[in-house]
Amino acid sequence: MRLENIKIGFCLTGSFCTFNKVIEQLKKIKEERADIIPIMSFNSYNLDTKFGKAEEFIKEIREITGKSEIIHTIQGAEPIGPKKLTDIMIIAPCSR
């Protein structure tokens, strides 16, 4: 499937041990020329863990997506649905 010009809301959530794998998938999606709107949960945006510093992940996500802003609050995410900002949403990791 080609993702060129598809607007993807890419939501990075907790399970910090998987961040590196999730970021690799984010890179692959970007290589397909998708328009990625980066979204991070409160914890993934704010917490440093033994798997890395939040600031480092934020920087890498900004570089990959080319977006200076990452949605990371409920208020920031509220317009996504009503304004139809995305074609699809990816929640990653999404473990059971």
Protein backbone atom coordinates (compact mmCIF):
# COMPACT_ATOMS: atom_id res chain seq x y z
CA MET A 1 0.00 0.00 0.00
CA ARG A 2 1.25 3.47 -0.83
CA LEU A 3 0.85 6.03 1.91
CA GLU A 4 1.79 9.15 0.00
CA ASN A 5 -0.35 12.09 1.14
CA ILE A 6 -2.30 9.94 3.60
CA LYS A 7 -2.72 11.81 6.90
CA ILE A 8 -1.74 9.46 9.71
CA GLY A 9 -2.11 10.22 13.38
CA PHE A 10 0.72 8.22 14.92
CA CYS A 11 0.14 7.80 18.65
CA LEU A 12 3.05 6.64 20.78
CA THR A 13 1.87 5.18 24.08
CA GLY A 14 3.51 3.48 27.01
CA SER A 15 5.38 0.27 26.98
CA PHE A 16 8.62 2.14 26.92
CA CYS A 17 10.64 -1.00 26.19
CA THR A 18 9.16 -1.05 22.67
CA PHE A 19 9.85 2.58 21.72
CA ASN A 20 12.85 1.76 19.52
CA LYS A 21 10.84 -0.82 17.56
CA VAL A 22 7.90 1.56 17.22
CA ILE A 23 10.16 4.37 16.00
CA GLU A 24 11.57 2.05 13.33
CA GLN A 25 8.02 1.54 12.05
CA LEU A 26 7.45 5.30 12.14
CA LYS A 27 10.50 5.71 9.89
CA LYS A 28 9.12 3.14 7.43
CA ILE A 29 5.79 4.95 7.27
CA LYS A 30 7.57 8.24 6.64
CA GLU A 31 9.59 6.62 3.83
CA GLU A 32 6.22 5.91 2.18
CA ARG A 33 5.68 9.71 2.18
CA ALA A 34 2.78 9.74 4.60
CA ASP A 35 1.85 13.00 6.29
CA ILE A 36 2.36 12.04 9.93
CA ILE A 37 0.80 13.91 12.83
CA PRO A 38 2.81 12.86 15.89
CA ILE A 39 0.85 12.22 19.07
CA MET A 40 2.24 11.02 22.39
CA SER A 41 0.46 10.02 25.55
CA PHE A 42 1.11 12.12 28.64
CA ASN A 43 3.49 9.51 30.07
CA SER A 44 5.41 8.85 26.87
CA TYR A 45 5.90 12.60 26.39
CA ASN A 46 6.94 13.36 29.96
CA LEU A 47 8.61 10.37 31.60
CA ASP A 48 12.25 9.35 31.44
CA THR A 49 12.78 5.63 31.91
CA LYS A 50 15.62 3.15 31.81
CA PHE A 51 14.81 2.80 28.10
CA GLY A 52 15.57 6.45 27.34
CA LYS A 53 14.83 10.07 28.05
CA ALA A 54 11.52 11.50 26.89
CA GLU A 55 13.30 14.52 25.41
CA GLU A 56 15.44 12.28 23.19
CA PHE A 57 12.39 10.42 21.86
CA ILE A 58 10.59 13.71 21.26
CA LYS A 59 13.55 15.06 19.30
CA GLU A 60 13.78 11.91 17.17
CA ILE A 61 10.03 11.89 16.44
CA ARG A 62 10.17 15.55 15.42
CA GLU A 63 13.08 14.84 13.08
CA ILE A 64 11.37 11.84 11.48
CA THR A 65 8.00 13.50 10.99
CA GLY A 66 9.28 16.97 10.15
CA LYS A 67 6.79 18.40 12.63
CA SER A 68 7.91 20.78 15.34
CA GLU A 69 4.86 20.13 17.51
CA ILE A 70 3.77 16.84 19.00
CA ILE A 71 0.24 16.56 20.32
CA HIS A 72 0.60 15.43 23.92
CA THR A 73 -2.43 16.68 25.84
CA ILE A 74 -6.12 15.87 25.77
CA GLN A 75 -6.82 19.46 24.78
CA GLY A 76 -4.35 19.20 21.92
CA ALA A 77 -5.94 15.98 20.70
CA GLU A 78 -9.55 17.15 20.90
CA PRO A 79 -9.66 18.75 17.40
CA ILE A 80 -8.41 15.60 15.62
CA GLY A 81 -11.85 14.04 15.15
CA PRO A 82 -14.09 17.08 14.64
CA LYS A 83 -11.65 18.72 12.23
CA LYS A 84 -10.95 15.42 10.45
CA LEU A 85 -7.21 15.94 10.74
CA THR A 86 -6.34 12.30 9.95
CA ASP A 87 -7.31 9.61 7.48
CA ILE A 88 -6.17 6.87 9.85
CA MET A 89 -4.75 6.54 13.35
CA ILE A 90 -2.01 4.20 14.49
CA ILE A 91 -1.69 3.42 18.18
CA ALA A 92 1.70 1.94 18.98
CA PRO A 93 2.51 -0.01 20.89
CA CYS A 94 -0.92 -1.46 21.32
CA SER A 95 -0.41 -4.49 23.51
CA ARG A 96 -2.99 -6.70 25.06
